[in-house]
Protein backbone atom coordinates (compact mmCIF):
# COMPACT_ATOMS: atom_id res chain seq x y z
CA MET A 1 -5.00 -16.64 6.40
CA SER A 2 -7.61 -17.79 3.92
CA LYS A 3 -8.97 -14.37 2.99
CA SER A 4 -7.23 -12.36 0.30
CA PHE A 5 -7.64 -9.13 -1.64
CA VAL A 6 -8.16 -11.03 -4.90
CA GLY A 7 -11.37 -9.82 -6.50
CA TRP A 8 -11.60 -6.81 -4.17
CA PRO A 9 -14.01 -4.10 -5.39
CA PRO A 10 -12.76 -0.74 -6.73
CA PHE A 11 -11.92 1.85 -4.10
CA PRO A 12 -15.13 3.95 -4.42
CA GLN A 13 -17.28 0.91 -3.74
CA ALA A 14 -15.11 -0.40 -0.88
CA ALA A 15 -14.81 3.08 0.64
CA ARG A 16 -18.58 3.52 0.67
CA THR A 17 -18.86 0.46 2.91
CA ALA A 18 -15.91 1.44 5.10
CA THR A 19 -17.06 5.01 5.77
CA ALA A 20 -20.42 3.71 6.96
CA ASP A 21 -18.67 1.79 9.76
CA GLU A 22 -18.56 4.32 12.61
CA GLN A 23 -16.49 2.08 14.88
CA LEU A 24 -13.88 1.61 12.16
CA ARG A 25 -13.64 5.34 11.60
CA ALA A 26 -13.29 6.07 15.32
CA THR A 27 -10.61 3.39 15.80
CA VAL A 28 -8.54 4.50 12.80
CA HIS A 29 -8.91 8.19 13.72
CA ARG A 30 -7.65 7.60 17.24
CA ALA A 31 -4.71 5.44 16.13
CA THR A 32 -3.48 7.66 13.30
CA HIS A 33 -3.72 10.86 15.34
CA THR A 34 -1.80 9.26 18.22
CA ILE A 35 1.03 8.06 16.00
CA ARG A 36 1.38 11.25 14.02
CA ALA A 37 1.43 13.42 17.15
CA LYS A 38 4.31 11.34 18.51
CA ARG A 39 6.03 11.47 15.15
CA ASP A 40 5.78 15.27 14.94
CA ALA A 41 7.24 15.72 18.41
CA LEU A 42 10.26 13.52 17.71
CA VAL A 43 10.92 14.96 14.25
CA ALA A 44 11.04 18.40 15.85
CA GLU A 45 13.98 17.17 17.93
CA ARG A 46 16.11 16.77 14.81
CA PRO A 47 17.26 20.06 13.27
CA ASP A 48 18.85 17.99 10.49
CA TRP A 49 15.60 16.20 9.56
CA GLU A 50 15.43 17.67 6.06
CA GLU A 51 19.08 16.81 5.46
CA LEU A 52 18.37 13.22 6.50
CA ARG A 53 15.43 13.03 4.09
CA THR A 54 17.56 14.38 1.26
CA ALA A 55 20.35 11.92 2.00
CA ALA A 56 17.95 8.97 2.19
CA ALA A 57 16.42 9.89 -1.17
CA ALA A 58 19.84 10.29 -2.76
CA VAL A 59 21.07 6.89 -1.55
CA LYS A 60 17.94 5.14 -2.79
CA ASP A 61 18.10 6.90 -6.15
CA ASP A 62 21.71 5.81 -6.60
CA VAL A 63 20.80 2.21 -5.74
CA LEU A 64 17.85 2.16 -8.12
CA ARG A 65 19.94 3.57 -10.98
CA ARG A 66 22.48 0.75 -10.50
CA LEU A 67 20.27 -1.90 -8.96
CA ASP A 68 21.81 -4.76 -10.93
CA THR A 69 25.27 -3.90 -9.63
CA TYR A 70 24.15 -3.70 -6.01
CA LEU A 71 22.15 -6.92 -6.22
CA GLU A 72 25.16 -8.78 -7.59
CA ARG A 73 27.27 -7.38 -4.77
CA LEU A 74 24.64 -8.42 -2.23
CA ALA A 75 24.33 -11.94 -3.63
CA GLY A 76 28.08 -12.41 -3.61
CA ALA A 77 28.35 -11.28 0.00
CA VAL A 78 25.48 -13.55 1.15
CA GLU A 79 26.97 -16.58 -0.54
CA GLY A 80 30.42 -15.70 0.78
CA ALA A 81 28.95 -15.81 4.30
CA GLY A 82 27.48 -19.28 3.78
CA GLY A 83 23.97 -18.33 2.64
CA VAL A 84 22.12 -19.35 -0.52
CA VAL A 85 20.48 -16.80 -2.82
CA HIS A 86 17.38 -17.56 -4.89
CA TRP A 87 15.85 -15.30 -7.55
CA ALA A 88 12.11 -15.12 -8.23
CA THR A 89 10.54 -13.16 -11.07
CA ASP A 90 6.98 -13.23 -9.77
CA ALA A 91 4.74 -14.37 -6.92
CA ALA A 92 4.24 -17.88 -8.26
CA GLU A 93 7.96 -18.48 -8.60
CA ALA A 94 8.70 -17.03 -5.15
CA ASN A 95 6.04 -19.19 -3.53
CA ALA A 96 7.35 -22.28 -5.32
CA VAL A 97 10.92 -21.62 -4.15
CA VAL A 98 9.93 -21.13 -0.50
CA THR A 99 7.54 -24.09 -0.49
CA GLU A 100 10.22 -26.36 -1.91
CA LEU A 101 12.73 -25.20 0.69
CA VAL A 102 10.31 -25.93 3.53
CA LEU A 103 9.23 -29.30 2.13
CA ALA A 104 12.90 -30.30 1.87
CA THR A 105 13.18 -30.00 5.66
CA GLY A 106 10.24 -32.34 6.26
CA GLU A 107 8.55 -29.82 8.55
CA THR A 108 4.83 -29.09 8.41
CA GLU A 109 4.62 -26.17 10.88
CA ILE A 110 6.77 -23.08 10.62
CA VAL A 111 6.98 -19.69 12.30
CA LYS A 112 6.94 -16.38 10.41
CA ALA A 113 8.05 -12.90 11.31
CA LYS A 114 6.12 -10.05 9.76
CA SER A 115 6.77 -9.76 6.04
CA MET A 116 4.69 -7.53 3.81
CA LEU A 117 6.18 -9.17 0.74
CA SER A 118 4.95 -12.58 1.86
CA GLU A 119 1.46 -11.07 2.09
CA GLU A 120 1.87 -9.43 -1.32
CA ILE A 121 2.67 -12.75 -3.00
CA GLY A 122 0.21 -14.85 -0.96
CA LEU A 123 2.89 -17.03 0.61
CA ASP A 124 0.77 -18.27 3.52
CA GLU A 125 -1.89 -19.55 1.15
CA ALA A 126 0.71 -21.29 -1.03
CA LEU A 127 2.29 -22.99 1.98
CA ALA A 128 -1.10 -24.09 3.31
CA ALA A 129 -1.93 -25.62 -0.08
CA ALA A 130 1.24 -27.72 0.25
CA GLY A 131 0.23 -29.00 3.69
CA ILE A 132 2.43 -26.56 5.64
CA ASP A 133 0.99 -24.55 8.54
CA PRO A 134 2.63 -21.09 8.67
CA ARG A 135 2.03 -19.43 12.04
CA GLU A 136 2.43 -15.67 12.24
CA THR A 137 4.29 -14.35 15.28
CA ASP A 138 3.96 -10.56 15.03
CA LEU A 139 1.15 -9.62 17.42
CA ALA A 140 -0.88 -7.73 14.84
CA GLU A 141 -0.41 -10.54 12.31
CA ILE A 142 -1.49 -13.13 14.90
CA ILE A 143 -4.71 -11.19 15.38
CA LEU A 144 -5.37 -11.10 11.65
CA GLN A 145 -4.51 -14.75 11.10
CA LEU A 146 -6.66 -15.99 13.97
CA GLY A 147 -9.51 -13.71 12.92
CA ASP A 148 -9.24 -14.65 9.23
CA ASP A 149 -8.88 -10.94 8.50
CA LEU A 150 -6.84 -8.73 6.18
CA PRO A 151 -4.27 -6.01 6.99
CA SER A 152 -5.22 -2.35 6.97
CA HIS A 153 -1.89 -0.61 7.64
CA ILE A 154 1.77 -1.13 6.77
CA VAL A 155 3.09 -0.84 10.32
CA VAL A 156 -0.02 -1.64 12.38
CA PRO A 157 -1.90 -4.18 10.23
CA SER A 158 -4.72 -4.63 12.76
CA MET A 159 -5.30 -0.90 13.25
CA HIS A 160 -8.97 -1.27 12.30
CA LEU A 161 -9.72 -3.55 15.29
CA ASN A 162 -10.36 -2.36 18.83
CA ARG A 163 -9.30 -4.22 21.98
CA GLY A 164 -12.70 -5.78 22.57
CA ARG A 165 -12.73 -7.43 19.16
CA ILE A 166 -9.16 -8.66 19.63
CA ARG A 167 -10.08 -10.22 22.98
CA ASP A 168 -13.02 -12.00 21.36
CA ILE A 169 -10.81 -13.34 18.57
CA PHE A 170 -8.26 -14.69 21.07
CA ARG A 171 -10.93 -16.35 23.19
CA ARG A 172 -12.61 -17.94 20.18
CA GLU A 173 -9.65 -19.00 18.03
CA MET A 174 -6.46 -19.53 20.01
CA GLY A 175 -7.43 -22.95 21.31
CA LYS A 176 -7.95 -24.22 17.76
CA HIS A 177 -4.27 -23.66 16.94
CA GLY A 178 -2.44 -24.38 20.16
CA ARG A 179 -2.54 -23.04 23.69
CA PRO A 180 -5.94 -21.41 24.34
CA ALA A 181 -6.43 -17.94 25.76
CA PRO A 182 -7.14 -17.71 29.50
CA ASP A 183 -10.83 -18.07 30.35
CA ASP A 184 -10.78 -14.74 32.16
CA LEU A 185 -8.96 -12.84 29.39
CA THR A 186 -9.83 -9.14 29.39
CA ASP A 187 -9.21 -6.46 26.79
CA ASP A 188 -6.33 -4.97 28.77
CA PRO A 189 -3.38 -4.56 26.36
CA GLN A 190 -0.94 -6.26 28.72
CA ALA A 191 -3.30 -9.21 29.19
CA LEU A 192 -3.69 -9.57 25.42
CA ALA A 193 0.07 -9.45 24.92
CA ASP A 194 0.62 -12.04 27.66
CA ALA A 195 -1.92 -14.37 26.07
CA SER A 196 -0.18 -14.15 22.71
CA ARG A 197 3.22 -14.68 24.32
CA LEU A 198 2.12 -17.89 26.01
CA HIS A 199 0.42 -19.08 22.83
CA LEU A 200 3.59 -18.50 20.79
CA ARG A 201 6.13 -19.92 23.22
CA GLU A 202 5.43 -23.56 22.39
CA LYS A 203 5.57 -22.78 18.67
CA PHE A 204 8.95 -21.06 18.95
CA LEU A 205 10.40 -23.97 20.90
CA ARG A 206 9.06 -26.52 18.42
CA ALA A 207 9.69 -24.81 15.08
CA LYS A 208 12.59 -25.97 12.92
CA VAL A 209 11.96 -23.47 10.10
CA GLY A 210 11.55 -19.71 10.32
CA ILE A 211 10.58 -17.23 7.60
CA THR A 212 11.21 -13.51 7.85
CA GLY A 213 10.97 -10.40 5.77
CA ALA A 214 13.58 -7.64 5.57
CA ASN A 215 13.58 -3.89 6.00
CA PHE A 216 17.01 -3.45 4.44
CA LEU A 217 19.67 -5.58 2.73
CA VAL A 218 23.25 -4.30 3.08
CA ALA A 219 25.07 -5.00 -0.18
CA ASP A 220 28.63 -4.69 1.12
CA THR A 221 28.27 -7.40 3.77
CA GLY A 222 25.21 -9.43 2.72
CA THR A 223 23.49 -8.47 5.97
CA VAL A 224 19.72 -8.63 6.43
CA VAL A 225 18.19 -5.97 8.68
CA MET A 226 14.77 -6.25 10.32
CA VAL A 227 13.19 -3.75 12.73
CA GLU A 228 10.29 -4.58 15.05
CA SER A 229 8.69 -3.66 18.36
CA GLU A 230 8.11 -6.99 20.12
CA GLY A 231 11.10 -9.32 19.74
CA ASN A 232 9.10 -12.13 18.17
CA GLY A 233 10.97 -11.63 14.91
CA ARG A 234 14.23 -12.24 16.70
CA MET A 235 12.86 -15.52 18.02
CA CYS A 236 12.06 -16.53 14.43
CA LEU A 237 15.58 -15.91 13.21
CA THR A 238 17.56 -17.41 16.11
CA LEU A 239 15.74 -20.58 17.24
CA PRO A 240 14.96 -22.47 13.97
CA GLU A 241 17.53 -24.62 12.20
CA THR A 242 16.59 -23.24 8.76
CA LEU A 243 16.00 -19.55 8.15
CA ILE A 244 14.39 -18.22 4.97
CA THR A 245 14.22 -14.49 4.26
CA VAL A 246 11.91 -13.23 1.52
CA ALA A 247 12.66 -9.70 0.31
CA GLY A 248 11.92 -7.38 -2.59
CA ILE A 249 14.88 -6.46 -4.76
CA GLU A 250 14.43 -2.76 -3.93
CA LYS A 251 15.36 -3.33 -0.26
CA VAL A 252 19.10 -3.23 -0.96
CA ILE A 253 21.25 -0.36 0.31
CA PRO A 254 25.01 0.02 -0.24
CA SER A 255 26.60 0.00 3.22
CA TRP A 256 26.23 0.06 6.99
CA ARG A 257 26.90 3.78 6.94
CA ASP A 258 23.82 4.24 4.77
CA LEU A 259 21.79 2.10 7.16
CA GLU A 260 22.36 4.71 9.86
CA ILE A 261 20.35 7.26 7.84
CA TYR A 262 17.32 5.00 7.51
CA LEU A 263 17.29 3.90 11.12
CA GLU A 264 17.12 7.56 12.14
CA LEU A 265 14.16 8.13 9.82
CA LEU A 266 12.18 4.90 10.07
CA ALA A 267 11.28 4.67 13.76
CA ARG A 268 10.28 8.32 14.06
CA SER A 269 8.15 8.14 10.92
CA ALA A 270 6.58 4.74 11.59
CA THR A 271 5.77 4.63 15.30
CA GLY A 272 6.89 7.94 16.78
CA GLU A 273 9.92 6.45 18.55
CA ARG A 274 13.53 7.58 18.56
CA MET A 275 14.67 4.06 17.81
CA SER A 276 12.93 0.79 17.05
CA PRO A 277 12.95 -1.46 20.16
CA TYR A 278 14.48 -4.34 18.20
CA VAL A 279 16.92 -3.93 15.31
CA SER A 280 18.06 -7.41 14.27
CA THR A 281 20.82 -8.07 11.76
CA TRP A 282 22.18 -11.36 10.45
CA THR A 283 24.76 -12.35 7.88
CA GLY A 284 24.88 -15.85 6.42
CA VAL A 285 25.44 -18.69 8.90
CA THR A 286 27.79 -19.13 11.84
CA ALA A 287 28.77 -22.52 13.24
CA GLN A 288 26.92 -23.39 16.48
CA ASP A 289 25.20 -19.99 16.56
CA GLY A 290 21.69 -19.65 15.16
CA PRO A 291 20.34 -21.42 12.08
CA SER A 292 22.58 -23.85 10.23
CA ALA A 293 21.04 -22.95 6.84
CA PHE A 294 20.13 -19.52 5.51
CA HIS A 295 18.26 -18.79 2.27
CA LEU A 296 17.61 -15.34 0.81
CA VAL A 297 14.82 -15.23 -1.76
CA LEU A 298 14.98 -12.03 -3.80
CA VAL A 299 11.66 -11.23 -5.45
CA ASP A 300 10.86 -9.00 -8.43
CA ASN A 301 7.06 -9.31 -8.86
CA GLY A 302 6.67 -6.15 -10.92
CA ARG A 303 9.52 -4.15 -9.46
CA THR A 304 11.69 -4.07 -12.58
CA ARG A 305 8.62 -2.92 -14.52
CA ALA A 306 8.20 -0.10 -12.01
CA LEU A 307 11.94 0.57 -12.19
CA ARG A 308 11.70 1.25 -15.95
CA ASP A 309 9.08 3.87 -15.19
CA GLU A 310 10.28 7.27 -14.00
CA LEU A 311 7.43 7.48 -11.49
CA GLY A 312 7.86 3.90 -10.38
CA ARG A 313 11.53 4.38 -9.71
CA GLU A 314 10.78 7.18 -7.26
CA ALA A 315 8.05 5.17 -5.53
CA LEU A 316 10.50 2.30 -4.98
CA ARG A 317 12.34 4.52 -2.49
CA CYS A 318 9.54 3.73 -0.03
CA ILE A 319 10.75 2.27 3.30
CA ARG A 320 7.26 1.19 4.41
CA CYS A 321 6.97 3.55 7.39
CA GLY A 322 3.25 4.30 6.98
CA ALA A 323 3.62 8.03 7.73
CA CYS A 324 1.63 8.95 4.63
CA MET A 325 -1.31 6.86 5.90
CA ASN A 326 -1.27 8.42 9.33
CA ILE A 327 -1.62 11.91 7.85
CA CYS A 328 -4.01 11.15 4.97
CA PRO A 329 -7.60 12.42 5.43
CA VAL A 330 -8.91 9.79 3.00
CA TYR A 331 -7.21 6.88 4.75
CA GLU A 332 -8.41 8.21 8.11
CA ARG A 333 -12.02 7.88 7.01
CA THR A 334 -11.84 4.63 5.06
CA GLY A 335 -9.15 2.58 6.79
CA GLY A 336 -6.71 0.50 4.79
CA GLN A 337 -8.77 -2.43 3.57
CA ALA A 338 -10.71 -0.21 1.17
CA TYR A 339 -7.54 0.03 -0.94
CA GLY A 340 -7.68 -3.71 -1.66
CA SER A 341 -4.00 -4.40 -1.07
CA VAL A 342 -1.40 -5.01 1.62
CA TYR A 343 -0.07 -1.59 0.55
CA PRO A 344 -2.86 0.88 1.42
CA GLY A 345 -2.91 4.63 1.72
CA PRO A 346 -1.25 7.19 -0.55
CA ILE A 347 1.85 5.11 -1.28
CA GLY A 348 -0.29 2.07 -2.00
CA ALA A 349 -2.30 4.13 -4.47
CA ILE A 350 0.98 4.52 -6.39
CA LEU A 351 2.66 1.17 -5.83
CA ASN A 352 -0.28 -1.08 -6.66
CA PRO A 353 -0.95 0.30 -10.17
CA LEU A 354 2.79 0.29 -10.87
CA LEU A 355 3.43 -3.24 -9.61
CA LYS A 356 0.23 -4.82 -10.91
CA GLY A 357 -0.68 -2.60 -13.84
CA ALA A 358 -3.71 -0.34 -14.10
CA ASP A 359 -5.74 -2.52 -16.44
CA ASP A 360 -8.32 -3.61 -13.90
CA PRO A 361 -10.94 -1.50 -12.11
CA GLN A 362 -9.46 -2.05 -8.65
CA THR A 363 -5.96 -0.71 -9.32
CA ALA A 364 -7.14 1.93 -11.78
CA SER A 365 -9.35 3.47 -9.09
CA LEU A 366 -6.55 3.92 -6.56
CA PRO A 367 -4.86 7.09 -7.93
CA TYR A 368 -8.20 8.82 -7.33
CA ALA A 369 -8.24 7.79 -3.64
CA SER A 370 -6.66 11.06 -2.54
CA ALA A 371 -7.61 14.63 -1.72
CA LEU A 372 -4.26 15.79 -3.18
CA CYS A 373 -3.74 17.95 -0.09
CA GLY A 374 0.02 17.29 -0.13
CA ALA A 375 0.32 16.29 3.54
CA CYS A 376 1.79 12.92 2.53
CA ASP A 377 4.57 14.69 0.61
CA ASP A 378 5.50 16.65 3.73
CA VAL A 379 5.87 13.61 5.99
CA CYS A 380 7.47 11.11 3.58
CA PRO A 381 10.94 10.41 5.04
CA VAL A 382 12.46 9.69 1.63
CA GLY A 383 10.90 12.65 -0.18
CA ILE A 384 8.60 10.86 -2.62
CA ASP A 385 6.43 13.30 -4.58
CA ILE A 386 3.28 11.32 -3.84
CA THR A 387 0.75 13.85 -5.11
CA GLY A 388 2.72 14.38 -8.32
CA ASN A 389 2.79 10.65 -8.88
CA LEU A 390 -0.95 10.35 -8.23
CA LEU A 391 -1.73 13.11 -10.72
CA ALA A 392 0.45 11.48 -13.35
CA LEU A 393 -1.20 8.10 -12.78
CA ARG A 394 -4.64 9.71 -13.05
CA HIS A 395 -3.57 11.14 -16.38
CA ARG A 396 -2.53 7.69 -17.58
CA VAL A 397 -5.83 6.17 -16.58
CA ALA A 398 -7.85 9.01 -18.11
CA GLU A 399 -5.85 9.52 -21.32
CA GLY A 400 -4.38 6.08 -21.92
CA GLU A 401 -5.85 3.01 -23.51
CA ALA A 402 -6.47 1.10 -20.27
CA ALA A 403 -8.87 -1.78 -20.68
CA VAL A 404 -10.83 -0.58 -17.64
CA LYS A 405 -12.35 2.27 -19.59
CA HIS A 406 -16.03 1.94 -20.35
CA ARG A 407 -16.63 1.63 -24.10
CA VAL A 408 -19.31 4.31 -23.93
CA GLU A 409 -16.82 6.70 -22.33
CA GLN A 410 -14.28 6.23 -25.09
CA VAL A 411 -16.90 6.66 -27.83
CA ALA A 412 -18.25 9.78 -26.11
CA PHE A 413 -14.85 11.44 -25.83
CA ASP A 414 -13.94 10.60 -29.42
CA ALA A 415 -17.22 12.12 -30.57
CA MET A 416 -16.69 15.20 -28.42
CA ALA A 417 -13.23 15.71 -29.89
CA GLY A 418 -14.73 15.67 -33.37
CA PHE A 419 -17.37 18.26 -32.48
CA MET A 420 -14.91 20.55 -30.68
CA THR A 421 -12.74 20.88 -33.78
CA HIS A 422 -15.71 22.39 -35.70
CA PRO A 423 -17.15 25.47 -33.92
CA ALA A 424 -20.49 25.36 -35.70
CA LEU A 425 -21.05 21.71 -34.84
CA TRP A 426 -19.89 22.32 -31.26
CA GLY A 427 -22.34 25.20 -30.79
CA ALA A 428 -25.22 23.16 -32.13
CA ALA A 429 -24.29 20.17 -29.96
CA VAL A 430 -24.09 22.27 -26.81
CA ARG A 431 -27.46 23.89 -27.51
CA SER A 432 -29.04 20.47 -27.99
CA ALA A 433 -27.41 19.09 -24.85
CA ALA A 434 -28.63 22.06 -22.84
CA ARG A 435 -32.20 21.61 -23.98
CA ILE A 436 -32.02 17.94 -23.01
CA GLY A 437 -30.36 18.85 -19.72
CA VAL A 438 -33.20 21.12 -18.72
CA ALA A 439 -35.58 18.18 -18.89
CA VAL A 440 -33.30 15.60 -17.23
CA PRO A 441 -33.31 15.21 -13.41
CA LYS A 442 -30.25 16.97 -12.05
CA ARG A 443 -29.24 14.44 -9.43
CA HIS A 444 -29.15 11.22 -11.46
CA LEU A 445 -28.18 10.96 -15.09
CA PRO A 446 -29.47 7.88 -16.92
CA GLY A 447 -27.66 4.74 -18.11
CA PRO A 448 -23.85 4.73 -18.33
CA LEU A 449 -23.80 8.43 -17.36
CA SER A 450 -25.03 7.54 -13.87
CA GLY A 451 -21.47 6.90 -12.69
CA TRP A 452 -20.76 10.62 -12.95
CA THR A 453 -23.71 11.65 -10.78
CA ASP A 454 -23.05 9.01 -8.13
CA SER A 455 -20.73 11.53 -6.49
CA ARG A 456 -21.57 14.81 -8.25
CA ARG A 457 -24.56 17.05 -8.92
CA VAL A 458 -25.26 18.19 -12.46
CA PRO A 459 -24.86 21.99 -12.48
CA ASP A 460 -27.83 24.12 -13.35
CA ILE A 461 -28.00 25.15 -16.99
CA PRO A 462 -27.71 28.98 -17.26
CA ALA A 463 -30.73 30.76 -18.62
CA GLU A 464 -28.52 32.83 -20.89
CA SER A 465 -25.47 31.73 -22.88
CA PHE A 466 -22.11 33.40 -22.44
CA ARG A 467 -22.09 34.74 -25.98
CA ARG A 468 -25.55 36.23 -25.57
CA TRP A 469 -24.51 37.79 -22.26
CA TRP A 470 -21.35 39.19 -23.85
CA ALA A 471 -23.28 40.68 -26.73
CA ARG A 472 -25.77 42.26 -24.37
CA THR A 473 -23.32 43.68 -21.82
CA GLU A 474 -20.21 44.40 -23.86
CA GLY A 475 -21.74 45.27 -27.21
CA GLY A 476 -19.83 42.54 -28.99
CA ARG A 477 -21.03 40.88 -32.17
CA HIS A 478 -23.62 38.21 -31.40
CA ASP A 479 -23.68 35.37 -33.88
CA GLY A 480 -25.08 32.79 -31.53
CA PRO A 481 -28.44 31.07 -31.34
CA GLY A 482 -31.92 32.51 -31.53
CA PRO A 483 -34.04 34.09 -28.80
CA HIS A 484 -35.14 30.76 -27.35
CA ASP A 485 -31.59 29.50 -26.70
CA THR A 486 -30.74 28.38 -23.15
CA ALA A 487 -27.30 26.94 -23.90
CA ASN A 488 -23.83 28.30 -23.50
CA GLU A 489 -22.26 27.55 -26.88
CA ASP A 490 -18.73 27.20 -25.59
CA GLY A 491 -19.82 24.77 -22.87
CA GLY A 492 -18.83 26.97 -19.95
CA ARG A 493 -20.85 28.72 -17.28
CA PRO A 494 -21.27 32.55 -17.47
């Protein structure tokens, strides 16, 4: 995949383009409503749903408080089972480790199971730069890779594409990378799935190296757990001779008993199913059974920075189910690409600023990509206070010293603070501003102030100030401006 989110515009700009795409809005609306209706029906089957959510949050919180201990336990168990553990502090280091492992095998084409972390760190691009052709095998990821497109959802990355566009991509691109699509390929879902299956079969049989992600890492046994709907991931982890798993350090859970909690929550929240069709687990290597070499690459890439942050620690509970996206009215209208990250939607609006920092316009805009309706809080299976986190992040952007702030904004607020501490100066300033405001067009403020009126209308200036009204109606002492005043000295509307 040659496209990336690097240099993506801030959310307001990207959303303006996305909301103008009627086909995108219709496709995303239909998909999200379908998934969330199925989710609601299956959640209603579980009278213990809230207890499961509480338990899942408690387990994750315990892990994150003692993450170093659990990671050491995990690494010891993996190595005890014949695997090799690698540690990567950032994307560059993770990409270097994986690239070196692949180059050591002498292979130039590999197969990949869906891994959001590999998309986060740009692994495909790094491998391609080293002369290695990574071929995605998850159906949605195949569509994106062949179409040189970017993901728009955590669980259904190609949600923004309809069947007709997928058919056209298969017809146009499959033959360039292996077995072509049938000449008479239609947009029937079964026909599209069959075309991808035939295209992938030769790659599975030929590949000597497979790369996967992980949904969970069981510390007690060193077991990697991956859930999927198609079975292609299982082909990636059983047929190759060398298996490489790339996972974030927050994926660890203590035991198999804890895994039971998350498997109950994940499928219902993610796809509206009682159980994921494929739950694959593997531990180290076994003679004459599966890969002969297993490598686990544990990646930080901002996670310990988020871990030091009280908000970030809670957000790291996320199990990547996508339920918050399926319920979000903002996501429904913009789709996921407007967020400029492989982690879109409400949880992405938290994770991206925490993992990357909020010192650039793209990440700093994300906490504002929410209506704060609270629906995401209700559906989160691990009880993350998403709206509370978004409000706190907004406060940091607005009140902090982030480099994304416009210099004029900072000067203006500093000046306003000085005036507001002196009532006489404040009254005079408000009167002057009101007189200017009467003469300025209400829909578009000039210069650097235009950003405010891009999405707001300047309110009408009252003909009478509050103090004058109070003096006239309540008989209070009036020490305000003269008879020609049109301003409200305290800056509020009557």
